[in-house]
């Protein structure tokens, strides 16, 4: 039952936002009593904490599986973006914004976990791209990986990029292309253009 509650809570939080969904809403959606939910989670904060931990774990596992496919680095980034967007349901309600505002400690913990995961992933991706001649060999890997993470985080800022003007899926695709065009070689640009023109993204 605990896993079912976590799954439904994750779905509701991503659709409606961490603040918006109440324990009553969750109980109603599942057709169970609030007492049942509280027997597994002592309060909503604990539920939010476990939900975000599970989500980070799911995304981390999925990214690991994509990396094991050893696709070319550019295609790999598009696969990862597609997988993350699928799991975050295009972040319709900007759940990360609500998490940061109403559950800052949980957000900080999740943000640190995301950075550790992405730093390793992006640094390895950049090195392989250089080795394969599709990324410029003079890029500073540590700098680029941090700039990329910073950008991915910043584009979720609702004040800078209001959702009615910048749909999340479009924004993520535009940002990934922006990142790649700054580091690809002519060989890499051909791969990137092929992916974009095929609507693979």
N, C-alpha and C. Protein backbone atom coordinates (compact mmCIF):
# COMPACT_ATOMS: atom_id res chain seq x y z
N UNK A 1 0.82 -1.21 0.00
CA UNK A 1 0.00 0.00 0.00
C UNK A 1 0.86 1.27 0.00
N UNK A 2 1.97 1.21 0.73
CA UNK A 2 2.84 2.39 0.80
C UNK A 2 3.33 2.81 -0.59
N UNK A 3 3.71 1.82 -1.40
CA UNK A 3 4.19 2.13 -2.75
C UNK A 3 3.07 2.72 -3.61
N UNK A 4 1.86 2.22 -3.43
CA UNK A 4 0.71 2.75 -4.19
C UNK A 4 0.44 4.20 -3.80
N UNK A 5 0.55 4.48 -2.51
CA UNK A 5 0.36 5.86 -2.04
C UNK A 5 1.44 6.77 -2.63
N UNK A 6 2.68 6.30 -2.61
CA UNK A 6 3.78 7.09 -3.17
C UNK A 6 3.57 7.36 -4.66
N UNK A 7 3.16 6.33 -5.38
CA UNK A 7 2.94 6.47 -6.83
C UNK A 7 1.84 7.49 -7.13
N UNK A 8 0.72 7.37 -6.41
CA UNK A 8 -0.39 8.30 -6.64
C UNK A 8 -0.02 9.71 -6.20
N UNK A 9 0.68 9.83 -5.08
CA UNK A 9 1.10 11.14 -4.59
C UNK A 9 2.03 11.80 -5.60
N UNK A 10 2.96 11.04 -6.15
CA UNK A 10 3.88 11.57 -7.16
C UNK A 10 3.11 12.10 -8.37
N UNK A 11 2.16 11.31 -8.82
CA UNK A 11 1.33 11.70 -9.97
C UNK A 11 0.59 13.01 -9.70
N UNK A 12 -0.03 13.11 -8.52
CA UNK A 12 -0.80 14.31 -8.18
C UNK A 12 0.10 15.52 -7.97
N UNK A 13 1.22 15.31 -7.29
CA UNK A 13 2.14 16.42 -7.04
C UNK A 13 2.67 17.00 -8.34
N UNK A 14 3.00 16.13 -9.29
CA UNK A 14 3.55 16.60 -10.57
C UNK A 14 2.48 17.26 -11.43
N UNK A 15 1.24 16.79 -11.32
CA UNK A 15 0.15 17.37 -12.09
C UNK A 15 -0.34 18.69 -11.51
N UNK A 16 -0.44 18.74 -10.18
CA UNK A 16 -1.10 19.88 -9.53
C UNK A 16 -0.19 20.73 -8.65
N UNK A 17 0.97 20.18 -8.26
CA UNK A 17 1.89 20.93 -7.41
C UNK A 17 1.91 20.40 -5.99
N UNK A 18 3.07 20.54 -5.34
CA UNK A 18 3.25 20.01 -3.99
C UNK A 18 2.38 20.72 -2.95
N UNK A 19 2.18 22.00 -3.13
CA UNK A 19 1.36 22.77 -2.19
C UNK A 19 -0.13 22.52 -2.43
N UNK A 20 -0.50 22.41 -3.68
CA UNK A 20 -1.91 22.33 -4.05
C UNK A 20 -2.61 21.06 -3.58
N UNK A 21 -1.89 19.96 -3.59
CA UNK A 21 -2.50 18.67 -3.25
C UNK A 21 -2.54 18.48 -1.74
N UNK A 22 -3.72 18.20 -1.20
CA UNK A 22 -3.88 17.95 0.23
C UNK A 22 -3.95 16.46 0.50
N UNK A 23 -3.83 16.10 1.74
CA UNK A 23 -3.97 14.69 2.12
C UNK A 23 -5.39 14.21 1.84
N UNK A 24 -6.35 15.11 1.97
CA UNK A 24 -7.75 14.78 1.64
C UNK A 24 -7.87 14.44 0.16
N UNK A 25 -7.21 15.25 -0.68
CA UNK A 25 -7.25 15.00 -2.13
C UNK A 25 -6.68 13.62 -2.44
N UNK A 26 -5.56 13.30 -1.82
CA UNK A 26 -4.90 12.01 -2.06
C UNK A 26 -5.79 10.85 -1.61
N UNK A 27 -6.37 10.99 -0.42
CA UNK A 27 -7.26 9.94 0.11
C UNK A 27 -8.46 9.74 -0.81
N UNK A 28 -9.03 10.86 -1.27
CA UNK A 28 -10.19 10.79 -2.16
C UNK A 28 -9.83 10.11 -3.48
N UNK A 29 -8.69 10.50 -4.06
CA UNK A 29 -8.26 9.92 -5.33
C UNK A 29 -8.04 8.41 -5.23
N UNK A 30 -7.56 7.97 -4.07
CA UNK A 30 -7.23 6.55 -3.89
C UNK A 30 -8.40 5.74 -3.33
N UNK A 31 -9.43 6.45 -2.86
CA UNK A 31 -10.57 5.74 -2.27
C UNK A 31 -10.22 5.09 -0.94
N UNK A 32 -9.32 5.73 -0.20
CA UNK A 32 -8.93 5.22 1.12
C UNK A 32 -9.09 6.35 2.14
N UNK A 33 -8.93 6.03 3.40
CA UNK A 33 -9.06 7.05 4.44
C UNK A 33 -7.71 7.76 4.67
N UNK A 34 -7.81 8.97 5.21
CA UNK A 34 -6.57 9.68 5.55
C UNK A 34 -5.81 8.91 6.62
N UNK A 35 -6.54 8.21 7.46
CA UNK A 35 -5.91 7.44 8.53
C UNK A 35 -4.95 6.40 7.96
N UNK A 36 -5.35 5.81 6.85
CA UNK A 36 -4.50 4.81 6.19
C UNK A 36 -3.20 5.47 5.71
N UNK A 37 -3.32 6.66 5.11
CA UNK A 37 -2.13 7.38 4.63
C UNK A 37 -1.22 7.71 5.80
N UNK A 38 -1.82 8.21 6.90
CA UNK A 38 -1.02 8.59 8.07
C UNK A 38 -0.39 7.40 8.78
N UNK A 39 -0.88 6.21 8.49
CA UNK A 39 -0.25 5.02 9.10
C UNK A 39 1.10 4.73 8.44
N UNK A 40 1.31 5.30 7.24
CA UNK A 40 2.58 5.12 6.52
C UNK A 40 3.45 6.39 6.53
N UNK A 41 2.80 7.53 6.58
CA UNK A 41 3.50 8.82 6.56
C UNK A 41 2.94 9.70 7.66
N UNK A 42 3.79 10.10 8.60
CA UNK A 42 3.28 10.81 9.78
C UNK A 42 2.71 12.19 9.46
N UNK A 43 3.14 12.79 8.34
CA UNK A 43 2.58 14.07 7.91
C UNK A 43 2.87 14.28 6.43
N UNK A 44 2.35 15.36 5.89
CA UNK A 44 2.51 15.63 4.46
C UNK A 44 3.98 15.88 4.11
N UNK A 45 4.71 16.55 5.00
CA UNK A 45 6.12 16.82 4.74
C UNK A 45 6.90 15.52 4.53
N UNK A 46 6.61 14.53 5.35
CA UNK A 46 7.28 13.23 5.21
C UNK A 46 6.90 12.58 3.88
N UNK A 47 5.64 12.72 3.49
CA UNK A 47 5.19 12.17 2.21
C UNK A 47 5.91 12.87 1.05
N UNK A 48 6.00 14.18 1.11
CA UNK A 48 6.70 14.95 0.07
C UNK A 48 8.17 14.52 -0.01
N UNK A 49 8.78 14.35 1.15
CA UNK A 49 10.20 13.96 1.21
C UNK A 49 10.42 12.59 0.56
N UNK A 50 9.58 11.64 0.89
CA UNK A 50 9.75 10.29 0.32
C UNK A 50 9.39 10.26 -1.16
N UNK A 51 8.43 11.07 -1.54
CA UNK A 51 8.04 11.15 -2.95
C UNK A 51 9.18 11.69 -3.80
N UNK A 52 9.80 12.77 -3.34
CA UNK A 52 10.91 13.35 -4.11
C UNK A 52 12.12 12.42 -4.14
N UNK A 53 12.37 11.72 -3.04
CA UNK A 53 13.49 10.77 -3.01
C UNK A 53 13.28 9.66 -4.02
N UNK A 54 12.04 9.15 -4.06
CA UNK A 54 11.74 8.07 -5.01
C UNK A 54 11.84 8.57 -6.45
N UNK A 55 11.38 9.78 -6.69
CA UNK A 55 11.43 10.34 -8.04
C UNK A 55 12.87 10.52 -8.51
N UNK A 56 13.73 11.05 -7.62
CA UNK A 56 15.15 11.22 -7.96
C UNK A 56 15.78 9.86 -8.23
N UNK A 57 15.43 8.86 -7.44
CA UNK A 57 15.97 7.51 -7.61
C UNK A 57 15.53 6.92 -8.95
N UNK A 58 14.26 7.10 -9.29
CA UNK A 58 13.72 6.60 -10.56
C UNK A 58 14.44 7.24 -11.75
N UNK A 59 14.61 8.55 -11.68
CA UNK A 59 15.27 9.27 -12.77
C UNK A 59 16.74 8.89 -12.85
N UNK A 60 17.38 8.75 -11.69
CA UNK A 60 18.79 8.35 -11.66
C UNK A 60 18.99 6.97 -12.30
N UNK A 61 18.11 6.04 -11.97
CA UNK A 61 18.19 4.68 -12.53
C UNK A 61 17.99 4.71 -14.04
N UNK A 62 16.98 5.47 -14.47
CA UNK A 62 16.68 5.56 -15.90
C UNK A 62 17.82 6.18 -16.69
N UNK A 63 18.41 7.23 -16.15
CA UNK A 63 19.55 7.88 -16.82
C UNK A 63 20.73 6.91 -16.90
N UNK A 64 20.93 6.15 -15.83
CA UNK A 64 22.00 5.14 -15.83
C UNK A 64 21.81 4.11 -16.93
N UNK A 65 20.56 3.69 -17.12
CA UNK A 65 20.26 2.70 -18.16
C UNK A 65 20.49 3.28 -19.56
N UNK A 66 20.15 4.55 -19.73
CA UNK A 66 20.38 5.20 -21.03
C UNK A 66 21.88 5.30 -21.31
N UNK A 67 22.64 5.66 -20.28
CA UNK A 67 24.10 5.79 -20.46
C UNK A 67 24.74 4.46 -20.83
N UNK A 68 24.18 3.36 -20.32
CA UNK A 68 24.73 2.03 -20.61
C UNK A 68 24.52 1.62 -22.07
N UNK A 69 23.64 2.33 -22.78
CA UNK A 69 23.40 2.02 -24.19
C UNK A 69 24.55 2.51 -25.08
N UNK A 70 25.38 3.39 -24.54
CA UNK A 70 26.55 3.93 -25.25
C UNK A 70 26.20 4.52 -26.61
N UNK A 71 25.14 5.31 -26.64
CA UNK A 71 24.79 6.03 -27.86
C UNK A 71 25.80 7.16 -28.03
N UNK A 72 25.80 7.82 -29.21
CA UNK A 72 26.72 8.94 -29.33
C UNK A 72 26.26 10.02 -28.34
N UNK A 73 27.18 10.82 -27.81
CA UNK A 73 26.86 11.75 -26.73
C UNK A 73 25.71 12.72 -26.99
N UNK A 74 25.56 13.16 -28.23
CA UNK A 74 24.48 14.09 -28.55
C UNK A 74 23.13 13.39 -28.46
N UNK A 75 23.04 12.21 -29.07
CA UNK A 75 21.80 11.44 -29.02
C UNK A 75 21.47 11.05 -27.57
N UNK A 76 22.51 10.75 -26.80
CA UNK A 76 22.31 10.38 -25.40
C UNK A 76 21.62 11.50 -24.63
N UNK A 77 22.04 12.74 -24.84
CA UNK A 77 21.43 13.87 -24.14
C UNK A 77 19.97 14.04 -24.51
N UNK A 78 19.64 13.80 -25.77
CA UNK A 78 18.23 13.90 -26.18
C UNK A 78 17.40 12.76 -25.58
N UNK A 79 18.00 11.58 -25.47
CA UNK A 79 17.31 10.45 -24.83
C UNK A 79 17.04 10.75 -23.36
N UNK A 80 18.05 11.32 -22.70
CA UNK A 80 17.90 11.65 -21.28
C UNK A 80 16.83 12.73 -21.10
N UNK A 81 16.84 13.74 -21.94
CA UNK A 81 15.83 14.80 -21.85
C UNK A 81 14.43 14.22 -22.02
N UNK A 82 14.27 13.35 -23.01
CA UNK A 82 12.97 12.74 -23.27
C UNK A 82 12.50 11.91 -22.06
N UNK A 83 13.41 11.15 -21.49
CA UNK A 83 13.09 10.31 -20.33
C UNK A 83 12.70 11.16 -19.12
N UNK A 84 13.48 12.21 -18.85
CA UNK A 84 13.20 13.08 -17.70
C UNK A 84 11.85 13.78 -17.87
N UNK A 85 11.59 14.29 -19.07
CA UNK A 85 10.32 14.98 -19.32
C UNK A 85 9.14 14.03 -19.15
N UNK A 86 9.32 12.80 -19.57
CA UNK A 86 8.26 11.80 -19.43
C UNK A 86 7.96 11.54 -17.96
N UNK A 87 9.00 11.43 -17.15
CA UNK A 87 8.82 11.15 -15.73
C UNK A 87 8.34 12.36 -14.93
N UNK A 88 8.64 13.54 -15.42
CA UNK A 88 8.19 14.75 -14.72
C UNK A 88 6.89 15.29 -15.32
N UNK A 89 6.32 14.54 -16.27
CA UNK A 89 5.04 14.90 -16.89
C UNK A 89 5.03 16.34 -17.43
N UNK A 90 6.15 16.76 -17.98
CA UNK A 90 6.31 18.11 -18.52
C UNK A 90 6.15 19.19 -17.45
N UNK A 91 6.12 18.77 -16.18
CA UNK A 91 6.06 19.72 -15.06
C UNK A 91 4.98 20.77 -15.28
N UNK A 92 3.76 20.32 -15.52
CA UNK A 92 2.64 21.20 -15.83
C UNK A 92 2.42 22.28 -14.78
N UNK A 93 2.63 21.93 -13.53
CA UNK A 93 2.31 22.87 -12.45
C UNK A 93 3.55 23.52 -11.84
N UNK A 94 4.69 23.33 -12.49
CA UNK A 94 5.97 23.80 -11.93
C UNK A 94 6.14 23.30 -10.51
N UNK A 95 6.14 21.98 -10.31
CA UNK A 95 6.27 21.44 -8.96
C UNK A 95 7.56 21.83 -8.27
N UNK A 96 8.62 22.01 -9.06
CA UNK A 96 9.91 22.36 -8.45
C UNK A 96 9.83 23.74 -7.80
N UNK A 97 9.09 24.65 -8.43
CA UNK A 97 8.91 25.99 -7.88
C UNK A 97 8.17 25.91 -6.54
N UNK A 98 7.10 25.11 -6.49
CA UNK A 98 6.34 24.95 -5.25
C UNK A 98 7.18 24.25 -4.18
N UNK A 99 7.95 23.28 -4.60
CA UNK A 99 8.81 22.56 -3.65
C UNK A 99 9.82 23.52 -3.03
N UNK A 100 10.41 24.35 -3.85
CA UNK A 100 11.42 25.31 -3.37
C UNK A 100 10.79 26.32 -2.41
N UNK A 101 9.57 26.74 -2.69
CA UNK A 101 8.90 27.77 -1.90
C UNK A 101 8.35 27.24 -0.57
N UNK A 102 7.73 26.06 -0.61
CA UNK A 102 7.03 25.56 0.57
C UNK A 102 7.78 24.47 1.35
N UNK A 103 8.73 23.81 0.67
CA UNK A 103 9.52 22.76 1.34
C UNK A 103 11.00 22.97 1.01
N UNK A 104 11.57 24.09 1.44
CA UNK A 104 12.94 24.45 1.04
C UNK A 104 14.01 23.44 1.43
N UNK A 105 13.89 22.80 2.60
CA UNK A 105 14.89 21.81 3.01
C UNK A 105 14.87 20.59 2.10
N UNK A 106 13.68 20.16 1.76
CA UNK A 106 13.55 19.01 0.84
C UNK A 106 14.08 19.39 -0.54
N UNK A 107 13.76 20.60 -0.96
CA UNK A 107 14.25 21.08 -2.27
C UNK A 107 15.77 21.11 -2.30
N UNK A 108 16.39 21.65 -1.25
CA UNK A 108 17.85 21.74 -1.20
C UNK A 108 18.50 20.36 -1.28
N UNK A 109 17.90 19.41 -0.58
CA UNK A 109 18.43 18.03 -0.59
C UNK A 109 18.30 17.43 -1.99
N UNK A 110 17.14 17.64 -2.62
CA UNK A 110 16.92 17.11 -3.96
C UNK A 110 17.85 17.79 -4.96
N UNK A 111 18.03 19.10 -4.80
CA UNK A 111 18.89 19.87 -5.71
C UNK A 111 20.33 19.38 -5.65
N UNK A 112 20.81 19.08 -4.43
CA UNK A 112 22.17 18.57 -4.25
C UNK A 112 22.32 17.21 -4.93
N UNK A 113 21.29 16.37 -4.77
CA UNK A 113 21.32 15.04 -5.40
C UNK A 113 21.32 15.15 -6.91
N UNK A 114 20.53 16.09 -7.43
CA UNK A 114 20.48 16.31 -8.87
C UNK A 114 21.83 16.76 -9.40
N UNK A 115 22.49 17.65 -8.65
CA UNK A 115 23.78 18.16 -9.10
C UNK A 115 24.82 17.05 -9.18
N UNK A 116 24.87 16.20 -8.14
CA UNK A 116 25.83 15.10 -8.12
C UNK A 116 25.60 14.16 -9.30
N UNK A 117 24.33 13.85 -9.55
CA UNK A 117 23.98 12.95 -10.65
C UNK A 117 24.34 13.58 -12.00
N UNK A 118 23.92 14.83 -12.20
CA UNK A 118 24.13 15.47 -13.49
C UNK A 118 25.59 15.81 -13.74
N UNK A 119 26.32 16.17 -12.69
CA UNK A 119 27.72 16.52 -12.87
C UNK A 119 28.50 15.34 -13.45
N UNK A 120 28.32 14.18 -12.85
CA UNK A 120 29.01 12.97 -13.34
C UNK A 120 28.56 12.64 -14.76
N UNK A 121 27.24 12.69 -14.98
CA UNK A 121 26.68 12.34 -16.28
C UNK A 121 27.18 13.28 -17.38
N UNK A 122 27.11 14.58 -17.13
CA UNK A 122 27.50 15.56 -18.15
C UNK A 122 29.01 15.55 -18.38
N UNK A 123 29.79 15.43 -17.32
CA UNK A 123 31.25 15.40 -17.50
C UNK A 123 31.66 14.20 -18.35
N UNK A 124 31.06 13.06 -18.09
CA UNK A 124 31.38 11.85 -18.87
C UNK A 124 30.92 12.03 -20.31
N UNK A 125 29.75 12.64 -20.49
CA UNK A 125 29.21 12.88 -21.83
C UNK A 125 30.14 13.82 -22.61
N UNK A 126 30.61 14.86 -21.94
CA UNK A 126 31.50 15.82 -22.60
C UNK A 126 32.82 15.18 -23.00
N UNK A 127 33.38 14.36 -22.12
CA UNK A 127 34.66 13.71 -22.43
C UNK A 127 34.52 12.76 -23.61
N UNK A 128 33.43 12.00 -23.64
CA UNK A 128 33.21 11.08 -24.77
C UNK A 128 33.01 11.86 -26.06
N UNK A 129 32.32 12.99 -25.95
CA UNK A 129 32.10 13.81 -27.15
C UNK A 129 33.41 14.36 -27.70
N UNK A 130 34.29 14.74 -26.81
CA UNK A 130 35.62 15.22 -27.24
C UNK A 130 36.39 14.07 -27.89
N UNK A 131 36.37 12.91 -27.23
CA UNK A 131 37.10 11.74 -27.74
C UNK A 131 36.60 11.33 -29.12
N UNK A 132 35.30 11.50 -29.36
CA UNK A 132 34.71 11.09 -30.64
C UNK A 132 34.77 12.20 -31.70
N UNK A 133 35.31 13.35 -31.31
CA UNK A 133 35.46 14.44 -32.26
C UNK A 133 34.18 15.20 -32.58
N UNK A 134 33.15 15.06 -31.73
CA UNK A 134 31.90 15.79 -32.00
C UNK A 134 31.73 17.00 -31.07
N UNK A 135 32.55 17.07 -30.01
CA UNK A 135 32.61 18.28 -29.17
C UNK A 135 34.01 18.87 -29.33
N UNK A 136 34.09 20.19 -29.22
CA UNK A 136 35.38 20.85 -29.35
C UNK A 136 36.33 20.39 -28.24
N UNK A 137 37.59 20.14 -28.62
CA UNK A 137 38.54 19.58 -27.65
C UNK A 137 39.05 20.61 -26.64
N UNK A 138 38.80 21.90 -26.91
CA UNK A 138 39.32 22.93 -26.00
C UNK A 138 38.30 23.40 -24.96
N UNK A 139 37.15 22.72 -24.86
CA UNK A 139 36.17 23.13 -23.85
C UNK A 139 36.65 22.70 -22.46
N UNK A 140 36.30 23.48 -21.45
CA UNK A 140 36.63 23.14 -20.07
C UNK A 140 35.47 22.34 -19.48
N UNK A 141 35.69 21.06 -19.32
CA UNK A 141 34.61 20.15 -18.93
C UNK A 141 33.94 20.54 -17.62
N UNK A 142 34.74 20.85 -16.61
CA UNK A 142 34.16 21.18 -15.31
C UNK A 142 33.29 22.44 -15.40
N UNK A 143 33.74 23.42 -16.14
CA UNK A 143 32.99 24.67 -16.31
C UNK A 143 31.70 24.43 -17.08
N UNK A 144 31.79 23.74 -18.21
CA UNK A 144 30.62 23.50 -19.06
C UNK A 144 29.56 22.68 -18.33
N UNK A 145 29.98 21.66 -17.57
CA UNK A 145 29.01 20.82 -16.87
C UNK A 145 28.24 21.64 -15.83
N UNK A 146 28.93 22.56 -15.16
CA UNK A 146 28.28 23.40 -14.14
C UNK A 146 27.37 24.45 -14.78
N UNK A 147 27.80 25.01 -15.89
CA UNK A 147 26.98 25.97 -16.61
C UNK A 147 25.70 25.29 -17.10
N UNK A 148 25.85 24.07 -17.59
CA UNK A 148 24.69 23.33 -18.09
C UNK A 148 23.69 23.08 -16.96
N UNK A 149 24.19 22.62 -15.81
CA UNK A 149 23.31 22.36 -14.67
C UNK A 149 22.64 23.66 -14.20
N UNK A 150 23.42 24.72 -14.15
CA UNK A 150 22.89 26.02 -13.73
C UNK A 150 21.77 26.47 -14.66
N UNK A 151 21.97 26.26 -15.95
CA UNK A 151 20.96 26.65 -16.92
C UNK A 151 19.69 25.83 -16.81
N UNK A 152 19.84 24.51 -16.66
CA UNK A 152 18.69 23.63 -16.53
C UNK A 152 17.86 24.03 -15.31
N UNK A 153 18.55 24.42 -14.24
CA UNK A 153 17.86 24.86 -13.02
C UNK A 153 17.18 26.21 -13.23
N UNK A 154 17.88 27.12 -13.87
CA UNK A 154 17.38 28.49 -14.03
C UNK A 154 16.16 28.59 -14.94
N UNK A 155 16.09 27.75 -15.97
CA UNK A 155 14.95 27.86 -16.88
C UNK A 155 13.64 27.40 -16.23
N UNK A 156 13.74 26.82 -15.03
CA UNK A 156 12.52 26.44 -14.30
C UNK A 156 12.04 27.57 -13.40
N UNK A 157 12.73 28.70 -13.44
CA UNK A 157 12.33 29.87 -12.67
C UNK A 157 11.13 30.53 -13.36
N UNK A 158 9.97 30.48 -12.69
CA UNK A 158 8.74 30.98 -13.28
C UNK A 158 8.75 32.49 -13.54
N UNK A 159 9.54 33.23 -12.76
CA UNK A 159 9.61 34.67 -12.98
C UNK A 159 10.36 34.99 -14.27
N UNK A 160 11.41 34.21 -14.53
CA UNK A 160 12.18 34.43 -15.75
C UNK A 160 11.50 33.83 -16.97
N UNK A 161 10.92 32.65 -16.79
CA UNK A 161 10.32 31.92 -17.91
C UNK A 161 8.89 31.49 -17.55
N UNK A 162 7.93 32.44 -17.55
CA UNK A 162 6.54 32.08 -17.22
C UNK A 162 6.02 31.00 -18.17
N UNK A 163 5.32 30.02 -17.58
CA UNK A 163 4.91 28.84 -18.34
C UNK A 163 3.97 29.16 -19.50
N UNK A 164 3.15 30.21 -19.35
CA UNK A 164 2.21 30.55 -20.44
C UNK A 164 2.96 31.05 -21.68
N UNK A 165 4.16 31.54 -21.46
CA UNK A 165 4.96 32.06 -22.57
C UNK A 165 6.02 31.07 -23.03
N UNK A 166 6.50 30.26 -22.11
CA UNK A 166 7.57 29.29 -22.42
C UNK A 166 7.16 27.89 -21.96
N UNK A 167 6.44 27.13 -22.80
CA UNK A 167 6.06 25.76 -22.43
C UNK A 167 7.31 24.95 -22.08
N UNK A 168 7.21 24.13 -21.03
CA UNK A 168 8.39 23.42 -20.51
C UNK A 168 9.07 22.56 -21.57
N UNK A 169 8.30 21.80 -22.33
CA UNK A 169 8.90 20.90 -23.33
C UNK A 169 9.70 21.69 -24.37
N UNK A 170 9.14 22.80 -24.83
CA UNK A 170 9.82 23.65 -25.81
C UNK A 170 11.06 24.27 -25.21
N UNK A 171 10.94 24.73 -23.98
CA UNK A 171 12.05 25.38 -23.28
C UNK A 171 13.23 24.42 -23.11
N UNK A 172 12.94 23.18 -22.72
CA UNK A 172 14.00 22.19 -22.52
C UNK A 172 14.69 21.86 -23.85
N UNK A 173 13.90 21.74 -24.91
CA UNK A 173 14.48 21.44 -26.22
C UNK A 173 15.36 22.59 -26.70
N UNK A 174 14.87 23.82 -26.52
CA UNK A 174 15.63 25.00 -26.94
C UNK A 174 16.93 25.11 -26.14
N UNK A 175 16.85 24.84 -24.83
CA UNK A 175 18.04 24.96 -24.01
C UNK A 175 19.09 23.91 -24.37
N UNK A 176 18.65 22.68 -24.62
CA UNK A 176 19.59 21.62 -24.99
C UNK A 176 20.28 21.95 -26.31
N UNK A 177 19.51 22.46 -27.26
CA UNK A 177 20.12 22.84 -28.54
C UNK A 177 21.12 23.98 -28.34
N UNK A 178 20.74 24.95 -27.51
CA UNK A 178 21.62 26.09 -27.20
C UNK A 178 22.94 25.59 -26.61
N UNK A 179 22.84 24.65 -25.65
CA UNK A 179 24.03 24.07 -25.01
C UNK A 179 24.92 23.38 -26.04
N UNK A 180 24.31 22.56 -26.87
CA UNK A 180 25.09 21.76 -27.81
C UNK A 180 25.72 22.60 -28.92
N UNK A 181 25.01 23.60 -29.41
CA UNK A 181 25.56 24.41 -30.50
C UNK A 181 26.81 25.17 -30.06
N UNK A 182 26.94 25.38 -28.75
CA UNK A 182 28.12 26.08 -28.25
C UNK A 182 29.36 25.21 -28.13
N UNK A 183 29.18 23.88 -28.22
CA UNK A 183 30.34 23.00 -27.97
C UNK A 183 30.63 22.01 -29.10
N UNK A 184 29.73 21.90 -30.10
CA UNK A 184 29.95 20.90 -31.14
C UNK A 184 30.99 21.32 -32.17
N UNK A 185 31.59 20.32 -32.79
CA UNK A 185 32.47 20.52 -33.93
C UNK A 185 31.59 20.44 -35.19
N UNK A 186 32.13 20.72 -36.36
CA UNK A 186 31.34 20.55 -37.60
C UNK A 186 30.75 19.13 -37.70
N UNK A 187 31.53 18.12 -37.28
CA UNK A 187 31.04 16.74 -37.29
C UNK A 187 29.84 16.60 -36.34
N UNK A 188 29.95 17.20 -35.17
CA UNK A 188 28.87 17.13 -34.21
C UNK A 188 27.64 17.90 -34.66
N UNK A 189 27.87 19.01 -35.37
CA UNK A 189 26.76 19.82 -35.85
C UNK A 189 25.89 19.04 -36.84
N UNK A 190 26.52 18.21 -37.64
CA UNK A 190 25.75 17.38 -38.59
C UNK A 190 24.84 16.41 -37.84
N UNK A 191 25.37 15.80 -36.79
CA UNK A 191 24.57 14.87 -35.97
C UNK A 191 23.42 15.62 -35.31
N UNK A 192 23.73 16.79 -34.75
CA UNK A 192 22.71 17.59 -34.06
C UNK A 192 21.60 18.00 -35.02
N UNK A 193 21.97 18.49 -36.21
CA UNK A 193 20.97 18.91 -37.19
C UNK A 193 20.10 17.75 -37.64
N UNK A 194 20.70 16.58 -37.79
CA UNK A 194 19.93 15.39 -38.18
C UNK A 194 18.89 15.06 -37.13
N UNK A 195 19.30 15.11 -35.86
CA UNK A 195 18.37 14.82 -34.77
C UNK A 195 17.23 15.83 -34.74
N UNK A 196 17.57 17.11 -34.85
CA UNK A 196 16.54 18.17 -34.80
C UNK A 196 15.59 18.08 -35.99
N UNK A 197 16.14 17.84 -37.17
CA UNK A 197 15.30 17.77 -38.38
C UNK A 197 14.42 16.52 -38.43
N UNK A 198 14.81 15.51 -37.66
CA UNK A 198 14.01 14.27 -37.64
C UNK A 198 12.89 14.32 -36.60
N UNK A 199 12.81 15.48 -35.90
CA UNK A 199 11.84 15.63 -34.80
C UNK A 199 12.04 14.59 -33.71
N UNK A 200 13.24 14.09 -33.62
CA UNK A 200 13.57 13.07 -32.59
C UNK A 200 13.43 13.64 -31.19
N UNK A 201 13.67 14.95 -31.09
CA UNK A 201 13.64 15.59 -29.77
C UNK A 201 12.26 15.62 -29.19
